[in-house]
Amino acid sequence: MPKGLEDVSKYPNLFAALLTDPDQPWTEEELGKLASGNVIRVLGDIEKVWQLRTHEDFPEKSYINFLRFGTISKE
């Protein structure tokens, strides 16, 4: 575990370090994408799985393949 990033409450430390990185500083726009982009993507994936699982013919556990590969396997 990196020092200063013991839990999610320390994310501001990570963002501050990325903003001030002397070799390749991140822009505020890039950090915004990092912060919200992943959350939005995950929520979108959750919604897709929920919609698929409401159909009776949706095979159990195939949602994992859907999220990984964008396809539904009939395993």
Protein backbone atom coordinates (compact mmCIF):
# COMPACT_ATOMS: atom_id res chain seq x y z
CA MET A 1 0.00 0.00 0.00
CA PRO A 2 1.55 3.33 -1.00
CA LYS A 3 2.14 5.69 1.89
CA GLY A 4 -0.56 8.35 1.96
CA LEU A 5 -3.07 6.19 0.05
CA GLU A 6 -4.19 3.86 2.80
CA ASP A 7 -7.88 4.25 1.92
CA VAL A 8 -10.21 6.22 -0.37
CA SER A 9 -10.24 9.20 1.98
CA LYS A 10 -6.67 9.80 0.81
CA TYR A 11 -7.59 10.21 -2.90
CA PRO A 12 -7.05 13.97 -2.68
CA ASN A 13 -3.39 13.17 -1.94
CA LEU A 14 -3.17 11.18 -5.16
CA PHE A 15 -4.79 13.95 -7.18
CA ALA A 16 -2.50 16.56 -5.66
CA ALA A 17 0.53 14.44 -6.53
CA LEU A 18 -0.67 13.97 -10.11
CA LEU A 19 -1.30 17.71 -10.52
CA THR A 20 2.17 18.60 -9.34
CA ASP A 21 4.14 15.78 -10.98
CA PRO A 22 7.23 17.55 -12.34
CA ASP A 23 7.73 15.03 -15.15
CA GLN A 24 4.19 14.85 -16.49
CA PRO A 25 1.57 16.85 -14.59
CA TRP A 26 -2.06 15.91 -15.17
CA THR A 27 -4.60 18.54 -16.12
CA GLU A 28 -7.72 19.13 -14.06
CA GLU A 29 -9.73 17.81 -17.03
CA GLU A 30 -7.76 14.55 -17.01
CA LEU A 31 -8.23 14.18 -13.26
CA GLY A 32 -11.95 14.78 -13.68
CA LYS A 33 -12.10 11.94 -16.17
CA LEU A 34 -10.14 9.73 -13.79
CA ALA A 35 -12.42 10.56 -10.87
CA SER A 36 -15.80 10.36 -12.54
CA GLY A 37 -15.14 8.41 -15.71
CA ASN A 38 -14.51 5.13 -13.93
CA VAL A 39 -17.54 5.54 -11.69
CA ILE A 40 -19.79 6.34 -14.64
CA ARG A 41 -18.43 3.36 -16.60
CA VAL A 42 -19.03 0.97 -13.70
CA LEU A 43 -22.55 2.28 -13.12
CA GLY A 44 -23.28 1.85 -16.82
CA ASP A 45 -22.05 -1.74 -16.70
CA ILE A 46 -24.21 -2.42 -13.65
CA GLU A 47 -27.25 -1.05 -15.43
CA LYS A 48 -26.56 -3.22 -18.51
CA VAL A 49 -26.28 -6.35 -16.37
CA TRP A 50 -29.44 -5.47 -14.45
CA GLN A 51 -31.35 -5.03 -17.72
CA LEU A 52 -30.03 -8.33 -19.06
CA ARG A 53 -30.77 -10.23 -15.86
CA THR A 54 -34.41 -9.21 -15.98
CA HIS A 55 -34.79 -11.57 -18.93
CA GLU A 56 -35.43 -15.19 -17.92
CA ASP A 57 -33.21 -16.56 -20.69
CA PHE A 58 -30.13 -14.78 -19.40
CA PRO A 59 -27.70 -17.51 -18.26
CA GLU A 60 -26.45 -17.32 -14.71
CA LYS A 61 -22.91 -15.89 -14.33
CA SER A 62 -22.64 -14.97 -18.01
CA TYR A 63 -22.74 -11.31 -16.98
CA ILE A 64 -19.05 -11.64 -16.13
CA ASN A 65 -18.27 -12.46 -19.76
CA PHE A 66 -20.52 -9.65 -20.86
CA LEU A 67 -18.57 -7.14 -18.79
CA ARG A 68 -15.19 -8.53 -19.81
CA PHE A 69 -15.80 -9.18 -23.49
CA GLY A 70 -19.11 -7.52 -24.39
CA THR A 71 -20.67 -10.88 -25.26
CA ILE A 72 -22.95 -13.32 -23.51
CA SER A 73 -21.80 -16.92 -23.36
CA LYS A 74 -24.24 -19.78 -22.86
CA GLU A 75 -22.01 -21.51 -20.27
